[in-house]
Amino acid sequence: MVSTVLVPIDDSERSSKALEYAFEVHPDATITALYVVDPRKFYAGTGIEGSIATDYERIKENYEQQARSLLEEASETAAERGVELETEWVTGAVARSIVDYATDHDVDGIVMGSHGRSGASRILLGSVAEAVTRRSPVPVTIVR
């Protein structure tokens, strides 16, 4: 029996579908929505000119605010469906952070969205979903 489910979320439609799936399939489980803030994005936005430290902090805060907003939306969706949802955000490499969280918190399963590609590339999983599936110590359900 699955008693704890981890649902990594981002701002994609696939992520929303994964959360809905978790609500429907695991109504009695403790469900945690996890957002991972990827610090590599901070550096990509800072450039090498100007005040890198100031830009880094501003960009970091923007991503953290995005995390809070997405998790708040997920909580509102859960409340509308009468489901209790725990939320968490961490900073780190996305796939590794998801697997580490699952390991550290003894979750029973992960439910996550696939990538949003179409055409020939749609037969492949997104790189994060594939990495999590390969490294996860627990079953992973990929929602398309």
C-alpha atoms as a PDB file:
ATOM      1  CA  MET A   1       0.000   0.000   0.000  1.00  0.00           C
ATOM      2  CA  VAL A   2       1.247   3.449  -0.885  1.00  0.00           C
ATOM      3  CA  SER A   3       1.067   5.768   2.108  1.00  0.00           C
ATOM      4  CA  THR A   4       3.411   8.569   1.009  1.00  0.00           C
ATOM      5  CA  VAL A   5       3.658  10.013  -2.502  1.00  0.00           C
ATOM      6  CA  LEU A   6       6.048  12.640  -3.814  1.00  0.00           C
ATOM      7  CA  VAL A   7       4.912  14.805  -6.724  1.00  0.00           C
ATOM      8  CA  PRO A   8       7.621  17.034  -8.172  1.00  0.00           C
ATOM      9  CA  ILE A   9       5.971  20.096  -9.695  1.00  0.00           C
ATOM     10  CA  ASP A  10       6.900  22.915 -12.025  1.00  0.00           C
ATOM     11  CA  ASP A  11       4.795  25.274 -14.109  1.00  0.00           C
ATOM     12  CA  SER A  12       3.984  22.718 -16.829  1.00  0.00           C
ATOM     13  CA  GLU A  13       0.656  21.173 -17.757  1.00  0.00           C
ATOM     14  CA  ARG A  14       2.199  17.708 -17.301  1.00  0.00           C
ATOM     15  CA  SER A  15       3.071  18.568 -13.740  1.00  0.00           C
ATOM     16  CA  SER A  16      -0.522  19.623 -13.045  1.00  0.00           C
ATOM     17  CA  LYS A  17      -1.760  16.356 -14.527  1.00  0.00           C
ATOM     18  CA  ALA A  18       0.642  14.410 -12.318  1.00  0.00           C
ATOM     19  CA  LEU A  19      -0.700  16.153  -9.214  1.00  0.00           C
ATOM     20  CA  GLU A  20      -4.296  15.454 -10.263  1.00  0.00           C
ATOM     21  CA  TYR A  21      -3.373  11.816 -10.896  1.00  0.00           C
ATOM     22  CA  ALA A  22      -1.853  11.507  -7.432  1.00  0.00           C
ATOM     23  CA  PHE A  23      -5.010  12.962  -5.875  1.00  0.00           C
ATOM     24  CA  GLU A  24      -7.214  10.486  -7.759  1.00  0.00           C
ATOM     25  CA  VAL A  25      -5.129   7.321  -7.434  1.00  0.00           C
ATOM     26  CA  HIS A  26      -3.775   7.850  -3.912  1.00  0.00           C
ATOM     27  CA  PRO A  27      -6.588   9.639  -2.042  1.00  0.00           C
ATOM     28  CA  ASP A  28      -5.571   8.244   1.344  1.00  0.00           C
ATOM     29  CA  ALA A  29      -1.828   8.803   0.968  1.00  0.00           C
ATOM     30  CA  THR A  30       0.192  11.668   2.343  1.00  0.00           C
ATOM     31  CA  ILE A  31       1.019  13.624  -0.808  1.00  0.00           C
ATOM     32  CA  THR A  32       3.903  16.068  -0.939  1.00  0.00           C
ATOM     33  CA  ALA A  33       4.332  18.535  -3.790  1.00  0.00           C
ATOM     34  CA  LEU A  34       8.020  19.320  -4.266  1.00  0.00           C
ATOM     35  CA  TYR A  35       9.449  22.199  -6.273  1.00  0.00           C
ATOM     36  CA  VAL A  36      13.167  22.210  -7.009  1.00  0.00           C
ATOM     37  CA  VAL A  37      14.905  25.535  -7.515  1.00  0.00           C
ATOM     38  CA  ASP A  38      17.808  24.840  -9.879  1.00  0.00           C
ATOM     39  CA  PRO A  39      20.749  27.138  -8.983  1.00  0.00           C
ATOM     40  CA  ARG A  40      22.250  26.717 -12.465  1.00  0.00           C
ATOM     41  CA  LYS A  41      19.488  29.041 -13.665  1.00  0.00           C
ATOM     42  CA  PHE A  42      20.764  31.758 -11.326  1.00  0.00           C
ATOM     43  CA  TYR A  43      24.122  31.844 -13.053  1.00  0.00           C
ATOM     44  CA  ALA A  44      22.622  31.731 -16.527  1.00  0.00           C
ATOM     45  CA  GLY A  45      20.772  34.960 -15.837  1.00  0.00           C
ATOM     46  CA  THR A  46      23.597  36.907 -14.217  1.00  0.00           C
ATOM     47  CA  GLY A  47      26.095  37.243 -17.043  1.00  0.00           C
ATOM     48  CA  ILE A  48      29.641  38.310 -16.300  1.00  0.00           C
ATOM     49  CA  GLU A  49      29.242  42.068 -16.319  1.00  0.00           C
ATOM     50  CA  GLY A  50      27.816  44.216 -13.575  1.00  0.00           C
ATOM     51  CA  SER A  51      27.236  43.162 -10.027  1.00  0.00           C
ATOM     52  CA  ILE A  52      27.025  39.400 -10.213  1.00  0.00           C
ATOM     53  CA  ALA A  53      26.298  39.024  -6.499  1.00  0.00           C
ATOM     54  CA  THR A  54      23.376  41.459  -6.678  1.00  0.00           C
ATOM     55  CA  ASP A  55      21.978  39.834  -9.808  1.00  0.00           C
ATOM     56  CA  TYR A  56      22.418  36.382  -8.298  1.00  0.00           C
ATOM     57  CA  GLU A  57      20.453  37.308  -5.178  1.00  0.00           C
ATOM     58  CA  ARG A  58      17.696  38.988  -7.189  1.00  0.00           C
ATOM     59  CA  ILE A  59      17.377  36.034  -9.559  1.00  0.00           C
ATOM     60  CA  LYS A  60      17.480  33.561  -6.656  1.00  0.00           C
ATOM     61  CA  GLU A  61      14.655  35.434  -4.910  1.00  0.00           C
ATOM     62  CA  ASN A  62      12.605  35.430  -8.118  1.00  0.00           C
ATOM     63  CA  TYR A  63      12.923  31.645  -8.426  1.00  0.00           C
ATOM     64  CA  GLU A  64      12.104  31.171  -4.749  1.00  0.00           C
ATOM     65  CA  GLN A  65       9.013  33.357  -5.176  1.00  0.00           C
ATOM     66  CA  GLN A  66       8.003  31.233  -8.165  1.00  0.00           C
ATOM     67  CA  ALA A  67       8.398  28.138  -5.979  1.00  0.00           C
ATOM     68  CA  ARG A  68       6.162  29.613  -3.276  1.00  0.00           C
ATOM     69  CA  SER A  69       3.533  30.641  -5.845  1.00  0.00           C
ATOM     70  CA  LEU A  70       3.414  27.244  -7.535  1.00  0.00           C
ATOM     71  CA  LEU A  71       3.198  25.432  -4.220  1.00  0.00           C
ATOM     72  CA  GLU A  72       0.419  27.770  -3.085  1.00  0.00           C
ATOM     73  CA  GLU A  73      -1.508  27.017  -6.302  1.00  0.00           C
ATOM     74  CA  ALA A  74      -1.013  23.283  -5.701  1.00  0.00           C
ATOM     75  CA  SER A  75      -2.345  23.672  -2.148  1.00  0.00           C
ATOM     76  CA  GLU A  76      -5.398  25.544  -3.442  1.00  0.00           C
ATOM     77  CA  THR A  77      -6.057  22.796  -5.992  1.00  0.00           C
ATOM     78  CA  ALA A  78      -5.792  20.184  -3.254  1.00  0.00           C
ATOM     79  CA  ALA A  79      -8.156  22.134  -0.986  1.00  0.00           C
ATOM     80  CA  GLU A  80     -10.719  22.400  -3.806  1.00  0.00           C
ATOM     81  CA  ARG A  81     -10.665  18.593  -4.046  1.00  0.00           C
ATOM     82  CA  GLY A  82     -10.734  18.037  -0.307  1.00  0.00           C
ATOM     83  CA  VAL A  83      -7.235  16.563  -0.317  1.00  0.00           C
ATOM     84  CA  GLU A  84      -4.546  17.414   2.184  1.00  0.00           C
ATOM     85  CA  LEU A  85      -1.249  18.357   0.568  1.00  0.00           C
ATOM     86  CA  GLU A  86       2.155  18.961   2.060  1.00  0.00           C
ATOM     87  CA  THR A  87       4.464  21.292   0.164  1.00  0.00           C
ATOM     88  CA  GLU A  88       8.205  21.660   0.104  1.00  0.00           C
ATOM     89  CA  TRP A  89      10.859  23.337  -1.995  1.00  0.00           C
ATOM     90  CA  VAL A  90      14.562  22.660  -2.157  1.00  0.00           C
ATOM     91  CA  THR A  91      17.505  24.086  -4.063  1.00  0.00           C
ATOM     92  CA  GLY A  92      19.698  21.804  -6.152  1.00  0.00           C
ATOM     93  CA  ALA A  93      20.038  19.789  -9.333  1.00  0.00           C
ATOM     94  CA  VAL A  94      16.474  18.813 -10.193  1.00  0.00           C
ATOM     95  CA  ALA A  95      16.634  15.035 -10.732  1.00  0.00           C
ATOM     96  CA  ARG A  96      19.115  14.466  -7.922  1.00  0.00           C
ATOM     97  CA  SER A  97      17.078  16.615  -5.507  1.00  0.00           C
ATOM     98  CA  ILE A  98      13.912  14.642  -6.274  1.00  0.00           C
ATOM     99  CA  VAL A  99      15.626  11.289  -5.701  1.00  0.00           C
ATOM    100  CA  ASP A 100      17.369  12.567  -2.555  1.00  0.00           C
ATOM    101  CA  TYR A 101      14.090  13.889  -1.154  1.00  0.00           C
ATOM    102  CA  ALA A 102      12.368  10.564  -1.834  1.00  0.00           C
ATOM    103  CA  THR A 103      15.185   8.693  -0.105  1.00  0.00           C
ATOM    104  CA  ASP A 104      15.499  11.041   2.866  1.00  0.00           C
ATOM    105  CA  HIS A 105      11.737  11.134   3.516  1.00  0.00           C
ATOM    106  CA  ASP A 106      10.977   7.432   2.946  1.00  0.00           C
ATOM    107  CA  VAL A 107       8.324   8.047   0.300  1.00  0.00           C
ATOM    108  CA  ASP A 108       6.604   5.011  -1.190  1.00  0.00           C
ATOM    109  CA  GLY A 109       6.298   6.352  -4.713  1.00  0.00           C
ATOM    110  CA  ILE A 110       6.884   9.283  -7.028  1.00  0.00           C
ATOM    111  CA  VAL A 111       4.304  10.600  -9.484  1.00  0.00           C
ATOM    112  CA  MET A 112       5.644  13.045 -12.030  1.00  0.00           C
ATOM    113  CA  GLY A 113       4.863  14.507 -15.404  1.00  0.00           C
ATOM    114  CA  SER A 114       6.735  13.624 -18.543  1.00  0.00           C
ATOM    115  CA  HIS A 115       8.146  16.328 -20.756  1.00  0.00           C
ATOM    116  CA  GLY A 116       5.956  18.457 -22.972  1.00  0.00           C
ATOM    117  CA  ARG A 117       7.515  17.552 -26.306  1.00  0.00           C
ATOM    118  CA  SER A 118       5.636  16.343 -29.345  1.00  0.00           C
ATOM    119  CA  GLY A 119       6.514  14.656 -32.612  1.00  0.00           C
ATOM    120  CA  ALA A 120       9.342  12.132 -32.801  1.00  0.00           C
ATOM    121  CA  SER A 121      10.828  13.188 -29.464  1.00  0.00           C
ATOM    122  CA  ARG A 122       7.599  12.350 -27.638  1.00  0.00           C
ATOM    123  CA  ILE A 123       8.570   8.679 -27.421  1.00  0.00           C
ATOM    124  CA  LEU A 124      11.383   9.615 -25.059  1.00  0.00           C
ATOM    125  CA  LEU A 125      10.984  10.739 -21.493  1.00  0.00           C
ATOM    126  CA  GLY A 126      12.161  14.167 -20.511  1.00  0.00           C
ATOM    127  CA  SER A 127      15.681  14.184 -19.138  1.00  0.00           C
ATOM    128  CA  VAL A 128      14.546  14.825 -15.549  1.00  0.00           C
ATOM    129  CA  ALA A 129      11.847  12.137 -15.656  1.00  0.00           C
ATOM    130  CA  GLU A 130      14.295   9.668 -17.166  1.00  0.00           C
ATOM    131  CA  ALA A 131      16.999  10.418 -14.586  1.00  0.00           C
ATOM    132  CA  VAL A 132      14.545  10.121 -11.692  1.00  0.00           C
ATOM    133  CA  THR A 133      13.164   6.847 -13.077  1.00  0.00           C
ATOM    134  CA  ARG A 134      16.654   5.378 -13.412  1.00  0.00           C
ATOM    135  CA  ARG A 135      17.880   6.478  -9.972  1.00  0.00           C
ATOM    136  CA  SER A 136      14.789   6.292  -7.803  1.00  0.00           C
ATOM    137  CA  PRO A 137      14.750   3.805  -4.925  1.00  0.00           C
ATOM    138  CA  VAL A 138      10.925   3.675  -5.202  1.00  0.00           C
ATOM    139  CA  PRO A 139       8.436   3.149  -8.040  1.00  0.00           C
ATOM    140  CA  VAL A 140       7.956   6.135 -10.343  1.00  0.00           C
ATOM    141  CA  THR A 141       4.719   6.787 -12.238  1.00  0.00           C
ATOM    142  CA  ILE A 142       5.117   9.033 -15.267  1.00  0.00           C
ATOM    143  CA  VAL A 143       1.964  10.932 -16.240  1.00  0.00           C
ATOM    144  CA  ARG A 144       1.637  12.054 -19.845  1.00  0.00           C
END
